[in-house]
Amino acid sequence: MKGLGNMGNIMKQAKKLQEDLEKKQIEISEMKVEASSGGGMVMATVNGRGELLNLAIEKEVIDPDDAEMLVDLVIAAVQEAQKNAQESSAELLGPLTQGIPGMPGL
């Protein structure tokens, strides 16, 4: 019955890992990541899951005759913020998820 002791230890480790992952997920959801485009004319803020929380646009960049440029700046700022959030999330989760297929941080 020597193997049962090891099983109990494995279960404790799994429970701790699950608790640690849950804490990190909360931390990630509360994280705010910003990025800008157009020299700071458009600023996007996302949470750690990449969900858009805020978008700030300077008046000077709003040109009714060139809406396409504004769209490009918005997309660039949001995508950069999402990329930064993904990288930050992977850094937080990395130590916990190393070696687990399909998890961030690999």
PDB file of N, CA and C in Angstrom:
ATOM      1  N   MET A   1       0.814  -1.202   0.000  1.00  0.00           N
ATOM      2  CA  MET A   1       0.000   0.000   0.000  1.00  0.00           C
ATOM      3  C   MET A   1       0.858   1.267   0.000  1.00  0.00           C
ATOM      4  N   LYS A   2       2.099   1.125  -0.330  1.00  0.00           N
ATOM      5  CA  LYS A   2       3.014   2.247  -0.349  1.00  0.00           C
ATOM      6  C   LYS A   2       2.582   3.322  -1.353  1.00  0.00           C
ATOM      7  N   GLY A   3       1.977   2.918  -2.455  1.00  0.00           N
ATOM      8  CA  GLY A   3       1.562   3.843  -3.497  1.00  0.00           C
ATOM      9  C   GLY A   3       0.453   4.786  -3.070  1.00  0.00           C
ATOM     10  N   LEU A   4      -0.338   4.445  -2.073  1.00  0.00           N
ATOM     11  CA  LEU A   4      -1.431   5.306  -1.632  1.00  0.00           C
ATOM     12  C   LEU A   4      -0.911   6.600  -1.017  1.00  0.00           C
ATOM     13  N   GLY A   5       0.193   6.556  -0.337  1.00  0.00           N
ATOM     14  CA  GLY A   5       0.792   7.767   0.222  1.00  0.00           C
ATOM     15  C   GLY A   5       1.201   8.732  -0.874  1.00  0.00           C
ATOM     16  N   ASN A   6       1.769   8.185  -1.932  1.00  0.00           N
ATOM     17  CA  ASN A   6       2.149   9.016  -3.079  1.00  0.00           C
ATOM     18  C   ASN A   6       0.929   9.631  -3.740  1.00  0.00           C
ATOM     19  N   MET A   7      -0.165   8.865  -3.806  1.00  0.00           N
ATOM     20  CA  MET A   7      -1.397   9.368  -4.416  1.00  0.00           C
ATOM     21  C   MET A   7      -1.936  10.550  -3.608  1.00  0.00           C
ATOM     22  N   GLY A   8      -1.889  10.443  -2.283  1.00  0.00           N
ATOM     23  CA  GLY A   8      -2.341  11.545  -1.430  1.00  0.00           C
ATOM     24  C   GLY A   8      -1.507  12.790  -1.641  1.00  0.00           C
ATOM     25  N   ASN A   9      -0.217  12.618  -1.804  1.00  0.00           N
ATOM     26  CA  ASN A   9       0.687  13.733  -2.049  1.00  0.00           C
ATOM     27  C   ASN A   9       0.395  14.365  -3.409  1.00  0.00           C
ATOM     28  N   ILE A  10       0.144  13.557  -4.382  1.00  0.00           N
ATOM     29  CA  ILE A  10      -0.179  14.052  -5.728  1.00  0.00           C
ATOM     30  C   ILE A  10      -1.485  14.846  -5.682  1.00  0.00           C
ATOM     31  N   MET A  11      -2.460  14.356  -4.942  1.00  0.00           N
ATOM     32  CA  MET A  11      -3.747  15.047  -4.829  1.00  0.00           C
ATOM     33  C   MET A  11      -3.572  16.397  -4.137  1.00  0.00           C
ATOM     34  N   LYS A  12      -2.727  16.473  -3.112  1.00  0.00           N
ATOM     35  CA  LYS A  12      -2.455  17.744  -2.426  1.00  0.00           C
ATOM     36  C   LYS A  12      -1.796  18.732  -3.379  1.00  0.00           C
ATOM     37  N   GLN A  13      -0.842  18.227  -4.152  1.00  0.00           N
ATOM     38  CA  GLN A  13      -0.153  19.097  -5.112  1.00  0.00           C
ATOM     39  C   GLN A  13      -1.117  19.600  -6.183  1.00  0.00           C
ATOM     40  N   ALA A  14      -2.000  18.726  -6.637  1.00  0.00           N
ATOM     41  CA  ALA A  14      -2.980  19.115  -7.657  1.00  0.00           C
ATOM     42  C   ALA A  14      -3.942  20.169  -7.104  1.00  0.00           C
ATOM     43  N   LYS A  15      -4.364  19.998  -5.867  1.00  0.00           N
ATOM     44  CA  LYS A  15      -5.266  20.965  -5.250  1.00  0.00           C
ATOM     45  C   LYS A  15      -4.573  22.322  -5.098  1.00  0.00           C
ATOM     46  N   LYS A  16      -3.316  22.318  -4.673  1.00  0.00           N
ATOM     47  CA  LYS A  16      -2.574  23.572  -4.530  1.00  0.00           C
ATOM     48  C   LYS A  16      -2.389  24.249  -5.886  1.00  0.00           C
ATOM     49  N   LEU A  17      -2.073  23.467  -6.905  1.00  0.00           N
ATOM     50  CA  LEU A  17      -1.926  24.010  -8.241  1.00  0.00           C
ATOM     51  C   LEU A  17      -3.230  24.648  -8.700  1.00  0.00           C
ATOM     52  N   GLN A  18      -4.339  23.980  -8.467  1.00  0.00           N
ATOM     53  CA  GLN A  18      -5.642  24.522  -8.849  1.00  0.00           C
ATOM     54  C   GLN A  18      -5.921  25.834  -8.117  1.00  0.00           C
ATOM     55  N   GLU A  19      -5.631  25.880  -6.829  1.00  0.00           N
ATOM     56  CA  GLU A  19      -5.834  27.108  -6.055  1.00  0.00           C
ATOM     57  C   GLU A  19      -4.946  28.229  -6.570  1.00  0.00           C
ATOM     58  N   ASP A  20      -3.698  27.917  -6.861  1.00  0.00           N
ATOM     59  CA  ASP A  20      -2.767  28.919  -7.380  1.00  0.00           C
ATOM     60  C   ASP A  20      -3.231  29.438  -8.741  1.00  0.00           C
ATOM     61  N   LEU A  21      -3.707  28.534  -9.595  1.00  0.00           N
ATOM     62  CA  LEU A  21      -4.205  28.940 -10.909  1.00  0.00           C
ATOM     63  C   LEU A  21      -5.425  29.847 -10.774  1.00  0.00           C
ATOM     64  N   GLU A  22      -6.314  29.532  -9.866  1.00  0.00           N
ATOM     65  CA  GLU A  22      -7.500  30.359  -9.648  1.00  0.00           C
ATOM     66  C   GLU A  22      -7.109  31.758  -9.179  1.00  0.00           C
ATOM     67  N   LYS A  23      -6.133  31.853  -8.289  1.00  0.00           N
ATOM     68  CA  LYS A  23      -5.661  33.155  -7.817  1.00  0.00           C
ATOM     69  C   LYS A  23      -5.067  33.958  -8.970  1.00  0.00           C
ATOM     70  N   LYS A  24      -4.270  33.301  -9.800  1.00  0.00           N
ATOM     71  CA  LYS A  24      -3.650  33.985 -10.937  1.00  0.00           C
ATOM     72  C   LYS A  24      -4.708  34.435 -11.943  1.00  0.00           C
ATOM     73  N   GLN A  25      -5.744  33.625 -12.153  1.00  0.00           N
ATOM     74  CA  GLN A  25      -6.813  34.000 -13.077  1.00  0.00           C
ATOM     75  C   GLN A  25      -7.521  35.257 -12.588  1.00  0.00           C
ATOM     76  N   ILE A  26      -7.743  35.360 -11.292  1.00  0.00           N
ATOM     77  CA  ILE A  26      -8.363  36.562 -10.729  1.00  0.00           C
ATOM     78  C   ILE A  26      -7.437  37.757 -10.933  1.00  0.00           C
ATOM     79  N   GLU A  27      -6.160  37.559 -10.660  1.00  0.00           N
ATOM     80  CA  GLU A  27      -5.178  38.624 -10.846  1.00  0.00           C
ATOM     81  C   GLU A  27      -5.149  39.083 -12.305  1.00  0.00           C
ATOM     82  N   ILE A  28      -5.216  38.138 -13.217  1.00  0.00           N
ATOM     83  CA  ILE A  28      -5.216  38.460 -14.647  1.00  0.00           C
ATOM     84  C   ILE A  28      -6.462  39.240 -15.026  1.00  0.00           C
ATOM     85  N   SER A  29      -7.634  38.820 -14.532  1.00  0.00           N
ATOM     86  CA  SER A  29      -8.867  39.506 -14.903  1.00  0.00           C
ATOM     87  C   SER A  29      -8.900  40.938 -14.370  1.00  0.00           C
ATOM     88  N   GLU A  30      -8.164  41.207 -13.275  1.00  0.00           N
ATOM     89  CA  GLU A  30      -8.129  42.544 -12.693  1.00  0.00           C
ATOM     90  C   GLU A  30      -7.003  43.409 -13.250  1.00  0.00           C
ATOM     91  N   MET A  31      -6.092  42.805 -14.003  1.00  0.00           N
ATOM     92  CA  MET A  31      -4.964  43.513 -14.575  1.00  0.00           C
ATOM     93  C   MET A  31      -5.456  44.483 -15.659  1.00  0.00           C
ATOM     94  N   LYS A  32      -4.828  45.653 -15.730  1.00  0.00           N
ATOM     95  CA  LYS A  32      -5.130  46.617 -16.794  1.00  0.00           C
ATOM     96  C   LYS A  32      -3.854  46.864 -17.592  1.00  0.00           C
ATOM     97  N   VAL A  33      -3.970  46.708 -18.902  1.00  0.00           N
ATOM     98  CA  VAL A  33      -2.827  46.868 -19.790  1.00  0.00           C
ATOM     99  C   VAL A  33      -3.185  47.915 -20.834  1.00  0.00           C
ATOM    100  N   GLU A  34      -2.289  48.876 -21.028  1.00  0.00           N
ATOM    101  CA  GLU A  34      -2.531  49.954 -21.988  1.00  0.00           C
ATOM    102  C   GLU A  34      -1.556  49.869 -23.151  1.00  0.00           C
ATOM    103  N   ALA A  35      -2.015  50.380 -24.285  1.00  0.00           N
ATOM    104  CA  ALA A  35      -1.153  50.538 -25.457  1.00  0.00           C
ATOM    105  C   ALA A  35      -1.702  51.695 -26.265  1.00  0.00           C
ATOM    106  N   SER A  36      -0.824  52.334 -27.017  1.00  0.00           N
ATOM    107  CA  SER A  36      -1.263  53.478 -27.815  1.00  0.00           C
ATOM    108  C   SER A  36      -0.805  53.326 -29.252  1.00  0.00           C
ATOM    109  N   SER A  37      -1.387  54.169 -30.088  1.00  0.00           N
ATOM    110  CA  SER A  37      -0.959  54.247 -31.486  1.00  0.00           C
ATOM    111  C   SER A  37      -1.048  55.715 -31.896  1.00  0.00           C
ATOM    112  N   GLY A  38      -0.464  56.009 -33.039  1.00  0.00           N
ATOM    113  CA  GLY A  38      -0.495  57.389 -33.525  1.00  0.00           C
ATOM    114  C   GLY A  38       0.220  58.349 -32.600  1.00  0.00           C
ATOM    115  N   GLY A  39       1.319  57.886 -32.019  1.00  0.00           N
ATOM    116  CA  GLY A  39       2.076  58.747 -31.123  1.00  0.00           C
ATOM    117  C   GLY A  39       1.302  59.123 -29.872  1.00  0.00           C
ATOM    118  N   GLY A  40       0.452  58.218 -29.414  1.00  0.00           N
ATOM    119  CA  GLY A  40      -0.334  58.462 -28.210  1.00  0.00           C
ATOM    120  C   GLY A  40      -1.689  59.090 -28.471  1.00  0.00           C
ATOM    121  N   MET A  41      -2.042  59.241 -29.723  1.00  0.00           N
ATOM    122  CA  MET A  41      -3.330  59.860 -30.064  1.00  0.00           C
ATOM    123  C   MET A  41      -4.509  58.936 -29.775  1.00  0.00           C
ATOM    124  N   VAL A  42      -4.273  57.633 -29.824  1.00  0.00           N
ATOM    125  CA  VAL A  42      -5.296  56.642 -29.490  1.00  0.00           C
ATOM    126  C   VAL A  42      -4.724  55.729 -28.416  1.00  0.00           C
ATOM    127  N   MET A  43      -5.453  55.583 -27.310  1.00  0.00           N
ATOM    128  CA  MET A  43      -5.001  54.767 -26.185  1.00  0.00           C
ATOM    129  C   MET A  43      -6.074  53.726 -25.890  1.00  0.00           C
ATOM    130  N   ALA A  44      -5.668  52.451 -25.874  1.00  0.00           N
ATOM    131  CA  ALA A  44      -6.582  51.349 -25.563  1.00  0.00           C
ATOM    132  C   ALA A  44      -6.155  50.718 -24.245  1.00  0.00           C
ATOM    133  N   THR A  45      -7.147  50.388 -23.418  1.00  0.00           N
ATOM    134  CA  THR A  45      -6.899  49.692 -22.163  1.00  0.00           C
ATOM    135  C   THR A  45      -7.699  48.405 -22.175  1.00  0.00           C
ATOM    136  N   VAL A  46      -7.023  47.293 -21.902  1.00  0.00           N
ATOM    137  CA  VAL A  46      -7.682  45.987 -21.848  1.00  0.00           C
ATOM    138  C   VAL A  46      -7.361  45.335 -20.512  1.00  0.00           C
ATOM    139  N   ASN A  47      -8.152  44.333 -20.151  1.00  0.00           N
ATOM    140  CA  ASN A  47      -7.813  43.561 -18.952  1.00  0.00           C
ATOM    141  C   ASN A  47      -6.884  42.422 -19.367  1.00  0.00           C
ATOM    142  N   GLY A  48      -6.497  41.605 -18.415  1.00  0.00           N
ATOM    143  CA  GLY A  48      -5.565  40.517 -18.696  1.00  0.00           C
ATOM    144  C   GLY A  48      -6.097  39.463 -19.642  1.00  0.00           C
ATOM    145  N   ARG A  49      -7.415  39.433 -19.809  1.00  0.00           N
ATOM    146  CA  ARG A  49      -8.010  38.490 -20.758  1.00  0.00           C
ATOM    147  C   ARG A  49      -8.143  39.099 -22.148  1.00  0.00           C
ATOM    148  N   GLY A  50      -7.689  40.349 -22.303  1.00  0.00           N
ATOM    149  CA  GLY A  50      -7.735  41.007 -23.603  1.00  0.00           C
ATOM    150  C   GLY A  50      -9.042  41.702 -23.896  1.00  0.00           C
ATOM    151  N   GLU A  51      -9.925  41.806 -22.919  1.00  0.00           N
ATOM    152  CA  GLU A  51     -11.211  42.471 -23.117  1.00  0.00           C
ATOM    153  C   GLU A  51     -11.020  43.983 -23.035  1.00  0.00           C
ATOM    154  N   LEU A  52     -11.551  44.697 -24.007  1.00  0.00           N
ATOM    155  CA  LEU A  52     -11.399  46.144 -24.075  1.00  0.00           C
ATOM    156  C   LEU A  52     -12.159  46.801 -22.930  1.00  0.00           C
ATOM    157  N   LEU A  53     -11.442  47.592 -22.121  1.00  0.00           N
ATOM    158  CA  LEU A  53     -12.038  48.290 -20.984  1.00  0.00           C
ATOM    159  C   LEU A  53     -12.254  49.766 -21.273  1.00  0.00           C
ATOM    160  N   ASN A  54     -11.326  50.364 -22.038  1.00  0.00           N
ATOM    161  CA  ASN A  54     -11.427  51.782 -22.318  1.00  0.00           C
ATOM    162  C   ASN A  54     -10.713  52.097 -23.623  1.00  0.00           C
ATOM    163  N   LEU A  55     -11.202  53.131 -24.278  1.00  0.00           N
ATOM    164  CA  LEU A  55     -10.592  53.598 -25.516  1.00  0.00           C
ATOM    165  C   LEU A  55     -10.617  55.117 -25.468  1.00  0.00           C
ATOM    166  N   ALA A  56      -9.457  55.752 -25.554  1.00  0.00           N
ATOM    167  CA  ALA A  56      -9.356  57.210 -25.533  1.00  0.00           C
ATOM    168  C   ALA A  56      -8.806  57.679 -26.874  1.00  0.00           C
ATOM    169  N   ILE A  57      -9.473  58.668 -27.440  1.00  0.00           N
ATOM    170  CA  ILE A  57      -9.069  59.204 -28.740  1.00  0.00           C
ATOM    171  C   ILE A  57      -8.937  60.715 -28.611  1.00  0.00           C
ATOM    172  N   GLU A  58      -7.773  61.233 -28.961  1.00  0.00           N
ATOM    173  CA  GLU A  58      -7.551  62.677 -28.938  1.00  0.00           C
ATOM    174  C   GLU A  58      -8.345  63.331 -30.071  1.00  0.00           C
ATOM    175  N   LYS A  59      -8.885  64.503 -29.808  1.00  0.00           N
ATOM    176  CA  LYS A  59      -9.710  65.214 -30.797  1.00  0.00           C
ATOM    177  C   LYS A  59      -8.953  65.469 -32.099  1.00  0.00           C
ATOM    178  N   GLU A  60      -7.663  65.729 -31.983  1.00  0.00           N
ATOM    179  CA  GLU A  60      -6.870  66.079 -33.164  1.00  0.00           C
ATOM    180  C   GLU A  60      -6.823  64.962 -34.215  1.00  0.00           C
ATOM    181  N   VAL A  61      -7.030  63.737 -33.804  1.00  0.00           N
ATOM    182  CA  VAL A  61      -6.921  62.615 -34.746  1.00  0.00           C
ATOM    183  C   VAL A  61      -8.259  62.322 -35.435  1.00  0.00           C
ATOM    184  N   ILE A  62      -9.318  62.982 -34.991  1.00  0.00           N
ATOM    185  CA  ILE A  62     -10.645  62.744 -35.577  1.00  0.00           C
ATOM    186  C   ILE A  62     -10.821  63.644 -36.797  1.00  0.00           C
ATOM    187  N   ASP A  63     -10.783  63.033 -37.959  1.00  0.00           N
ATOM    188  CA  ASP A  63     -10.937  63.742 -39.226  1.00  0.00           C
ATOM    189  C   ASP A  63     -12.084  63.089 -39.989  1.00  0.00           C
ATOM    190  N   PRO A  64     -13.214  63.764 -40.103  1.00  0.00           N
ATOM    191  CA  PRO A  64     -14.367  63.165 -40.790  1.00  0.00           C
ATOM    192  C   PRO A  64     -14.059  62.740 -42.233  1.00  0.00           C
ATOM    193  N   ASP A  65     -13.049  63.359 -42.816  1.00  0.00           N
ATOM    194  CA  ASP A  65     -12.694  63.017 -44.192  1.00  0.00           C
ATOM    195  C   ASP A  65     -11.712  61.846 -44.267  1.00  0.00           C
ATOM    196  N   ASP A  66     -11.241  61.372 -43.112  1.00  0.00           N
ATOM    197  CA  ASP A  66     -10.293  60.263 -43.105  1.00  0.00           C
ATOM    198  C   ASP A  66     -10.608  59.296 -41.958  1.00  0.00           C
ATOM    199  N   ALA A  67     -11.814  58.778 -41.980  1.00  0.00           N
ATOM    200  CA  ALA A  67     -12.252  57.844 -40.935  1.00  0.00           C
ATOM    201  C   ALA A  67     -11.414  56.566 -40.964  1.00  0.00           C
ATOM    202  N   GLU A  68     -10.937  56.189 -42.126  1.00  0.00           N
ATOM    203  CA  GLU A  68     -10.148  54.967 -42.265  1.00  0.00           C
ATOM    204  C   GLU A  68      -8.868  55.023 -41.417  1.00  0.00           C
ATOM    205  N   MET A  69      -8.237  56.195 -41.369  1.00  0.00           N
ATOM    206  CA  MET A  69      -7.022  56.334 -40.569  1.00  0.00           C
ATOM    207  C   MET A  69      -7.350  56.120 -39.082  1.00  0.00           C
ATOM    208  N   LEU A  70      -8.462  56.680 -38.622  1.00  0.00           N
ATOM    209  CA  LEU A  70      -8.856  56.521 -37.228  1.00  0.00           C
ATOM    210  C   LEU A  70      -9.137  55.060 -36.908  1.00  0.00           C
ATOM    211  N   VAL A  71      -9.808  54.381 -37.818  1.00  0.00           N
ATOM    212  CA  VAL A  71     -10.076  52.950 -37.633  1.00  0.00           C
ATOM    213  C   VAL A  71      -8.761  52.180 -37.505  1.00  0.00           C
ATOM    214  N   ASP A  72      -7.807  52.483 -38.372  1.00  0.00           N
ATOM    215  CA  ASP A  72      -6.502  51.814 -38.318  1.00  0.00           C
ATOM    216  C   ASP A  72      -5.795  52.073 -36.993  1.00  0.00           C
ATOM    217  N   LEU A  73      -5.862  53.301 -36.503  1.00  0.00           N
ATOM    218  CA  LEU A  73      -5.217  53.634 -35.233  1.00  0.00           C
ATOM    219  C   LEU A  73      -5.886  52.912 -34.064  1.00  0.00           C
ATOM    220  N   VAL A  74      -7.200  52.834 -34.093  1.00  0.00           N
ATOM    221  CA  VAL A  74      -7.932  52.134 -33.031  1.00  0.00           C
ATOM    222  C   VAL A  74      -7.572  50.651 -33.040  1.00  0.00           C
ATOM    223  N   ILE A  75      -7.612  50.054 -34.208  1.00  0.00           N
ATOM    224  CA  ILE A  75      -7.278  48.631 -34.319  1.00  0.00           C
ATOM    225  C   ILE A  75      -5.855  48.378 -33.835  1.00  0.00           C
ATOM    226  N   ALA A  76      -4.923  49.221 -34.238  1.00  0.00           N
ATOM    227  CA  ALA A  76      -3.521  49.036 -33.841  1.00  0.00           C
ATOM    228  C   ALA A  76      -3.368  49.131 -32.320  1.00  0.00           C
ATOM    229  N   ALA A  77      -4.011  50.108 -31.704  1.00  0.00           N
ATOM    230  CA  ALA A  77      -3.892  50.276 -30.248  1.00  0.00           C
ATOM    231  C   ALA A  77      -4.512  49.096 -29.508  1.00  0.00           C
ATOM    232  N   VAL A  78      -5.684  48.662 -29.946  1.00  0.00           N
ATOM    233  CA  VAL A  78      -6.367  47.547 -29.277  1.00  0.00           C
ATOM    234  C   VAL A  78      -5.565  46.259 -29.445  1.00  0.00           C
ATOM    235  N   GLN A  79      -5.088  45.999 -30.637  1.00  0.00           N
ATOM    236  CA  GLN A  79      -4.322  44.775 -30.861  1.00  0.00           C
ATOM    237  C   GLN A  79      -3.025  44.757 -30.054  1.00  0.00           C
ATOM    238  N   GLU A  80      -2.365  45.894 -29.947  1.00  0.00           N
ATOM    239  CA  GLU A  80      -1.123  45.969 -29.176  1.00  0.00           C
ATOM    240  C   GLU A  80      -1.418  45.741 -27.687  1.00  0.00           C
ATOM    241  N   ALA A  81      -2.497  46.345 -27.189  1.00  0.00           N
ATOM    242  CA  ALA A  81      -2.868  46.148 -25.787  1.00  0.00           C
ATOM    243  C   ALA A  81      -3.216  44.685 -25.524  1.00  0.00           C
ATOM    244  N   GLN A  82      -3.947  44.061 -26.450  1.00  0.00           N
ATOM    245  CA  GLN A  82      -4.298  42.645 -26.290  1.00  0.00           C
ATOM    246  C   GLN A  82      -3.052  41.765 -26.312  1.00  0.00           C
ATOM    247  N   LYS A  83      -2.128  42.073 -27.197  1.00  0.00           N
ATOM    248  CA  LYS A  83      -0.872  41.306 -27.264  1.00  0.00           C
ATOM    249  C   LYS A  83      -0.093  41.450 -25.957  1.00  0.00           C
ATOM    250  N   ASN A  84      -0.014  42.669 -25.452  1.00  0.00           N
ATOM    251  CA  ASN A  84       0.701  42.908 -24.193  1.00  0.00           C
ATOM    252  C   ASN A  84       0.013  42.183 -23.032  1.00  0.00           C
ATOM    253  N   ALA A  85      -1.308  42.169 -23.025  1.00  0.00           N
ATOM    254  CA  ALA A  85      -2.054  41.473 -21.976  1.00  0.00           C
ATOM    255  C   ALA A  85      -1.794  39.972 -22.051  1.00  0.00           C
ATOM    256  N   GLN A  86      -1.767  39.435 -23.252  1.00  0.00           N
ATOM    257  CA  GLN A  86      -1.508  38.008 -23.427  1.00  0.00           C
ATOM    258  C   GLN A  86      -0.110  37.653 -22.922  1.00  0.00           C
ATOM    259  N   GLU A  87       0.865  38.496 -23.233  1.00  0.00           N
ATOM    260  CA  GLU A  87       2.237  38.253 -22.777  1.00  0.00           C
ATOM    261  C   GLU A  87       2.325  38.343 -21.253  1.00  0.00           C
ATOM    262  N   SER A  88       1.656  39.337 -20.669  1.00  0.00           N
ATOM    263  CA  SER A  88       1.671  39.487 -19.214  1.00  0.00           C
ATOM    264  C   SER A  88       0.998  38.302 -18.534  1.00  0.00           C
ATOM    265  N   SER A  89      -0.098  37.844 -19.114  1.00  0.00           N
ATOM    266  CA  SER A  89      -0.804  36.683 -18.565  1.00  0.00           C
ATOM    267  C   SER A  89       0.069  35.437 -18.631  1.00  0.00           C
ATOM    268  N   ALA A  90       0.743  35.260 -19.753  1.00  0.00           N
ATOM    269  CA  ALA A  90       1.618  34.097 -19.908  1.00  0.00           C
ATOM    270  C   ALA A  90       2.765  34.143 -18.892  1.00  0.00           C
ATOM    271  N   GLU A  91       3.276  35.355 -18.615  1.00  0.00           N
ATOM    272  CA  GLU A  91       4.340  35.482 -17.622  1.00  0.00           C
ATOM    273  C   GLU A  91       3.845  35.088 -16.234  1.00  0.00           C
ATOM    274  N   LEU A  92       2.630  35.508 -15.894  1.00  0.00           N
ATOM    275  CA  LEU A  92       2.069  35.171 -14.582  1.00  0.00           C
ATOM    276  C   LEU A  92       1.798  33.681 -14.450  1.00  0.00           C
ATOM    277  N   LEU A  93       1.272  33.087 -15.513  1.00  0.00           N
ATOM    278  CA  LEU A  93       0.890  31.681 -15.462  1.00  0.00           C
ATOM    279  C   LEU A  93       2.050  30.739 -15.755  1.00  0.00           C
ATOM    280  N   GLY A  94       3.063  31.237 -16.420  1.00  0.00           N
ATOM    281  CA  GLY A  94       4.175  30.400 -16.870  1.00  0.00           C
ATOM    282  C   GLY A  94       4.724  29.439 -15.840  1.00  0.00           C
ATOM    283  N   PRO A  95       5.098  29.937 -14.670  1.00  0.00           N
ATOM    284  CA  PRO A  95       5.666  29.013 -13.675  1.00  0.00           C
ATOM    285  C   PRO A  95       4.679  27.932 -13.227  1.00  0.00           C
ATOM    286  N   LEU A  96       3.397  28.235 -13.269  1.00  0.00           N
ATOM    287  CA  LEU A  96       2.395  27.260 -12.826  1.00  0.00           C
ATOM    288  C   LEU A  96       2.025  26.247 -13.912  1.00  0.00           C
ATOM    289  N   THR A  97       2.138  26.678 -15.168  1.00  0.00           N
ATOM    290  CA  THR A  97       1.627  25.835 -16.249  1.00  0.00           C
ATOM    291  C   THR A  97       2.715  25.179 -17.073  1.00  0.00           C
ATOM    292  N   GLN A  98       3.980  25.365 -16.701  1.00  0.00           N
ATOM    293  CA  GLN A  98       5.056  24.733 -17.456  1.00  0.00           C
ATOM    294  C   GLN A  98       4.845  23.231 -17.501  1.00  0.00           C
ATOM    295  N   GLY A  99       4.914  22.687 -18.680  1.00  0.00           N
ATOM    296  CA  GLY A  99       4.793  21.248 -18.842  1.00  0.00           C
ATOM    297  C   GLY A  99       3.363  20.761 -19.003  1.00  0.00           C
ATOM    298  N   ILE A 100       2.381  21.678 -18.931  1.00  0.00           N
ATOM    299  CA  ILE A 100       0.989  21.265 -19.122  1.00  0.00           C
ATOM    300  C   ILE A 100       0.602  21.644 -20.551  1.00  0.00           C
ATOM    301  N   PRO A 101       0.378  20.664 -21.423  1.00  0.00           N
ATOM    302  CA  PRO A 101       0.052  20.949 -22.820  1.00  0.00           C
ATOM    303  C   PRO A 101      -1.181  21.839 -22.948  1.00  0.00           C
ATOM    304  N   GLY A 102      -1.110  22.842 -23.835  1.00  0.00           N
ATOM    305  CA  GLY A 102      -2.243  23.701 -24.122  1.00  0.00           C
ATOM    306  C   GLY A 102      -2.424  24.849 -23.134  1.00  0.00           C
ATOM    307  N   MET A 103      -1.516  24.986 -22.185  1.00  0.00           N
ATOM    308  CA  MET A 103      -1.623  26.050 -21.197  1.00  0.00           C
ATOM    309  C   MET A 103      -0.634  27.153 -21.539  1.00  0.00           C
ATOM    310  N   PRO A 104      -0.986  28.438 -21.220  1.00  0.00           N
ATOM    311  CA  PRO A 104      -0.055  29.528 -21.466  1.00  0.00           C
ATOM    312  C   PRO A 104       1.246  29.320 -20.692  1.00  0.00           C
ATOM    313  N   GLY A 105       2.292  29.895 -21.214  1.00  0.00           N
ATOM    314  CA  GLY A 105       3.568  29.814 -20.539  1.00  0.00           C
ATOM    315  C   GLY A 105       4.469  28.717 -21.076  1.00  0.00           C
ATOM    316  N   LEU A 106       4.011  28.008 -22.120  1.00  0.00           N
ATOM    317  CA  LEU A 106       4.843  26.952 -22.690  1.00  0.00           C
ATOM    318  C   LEU A 106       5.755  27.534 -23.733  1.00  0.00           C
TER     319      LEU A 106
END
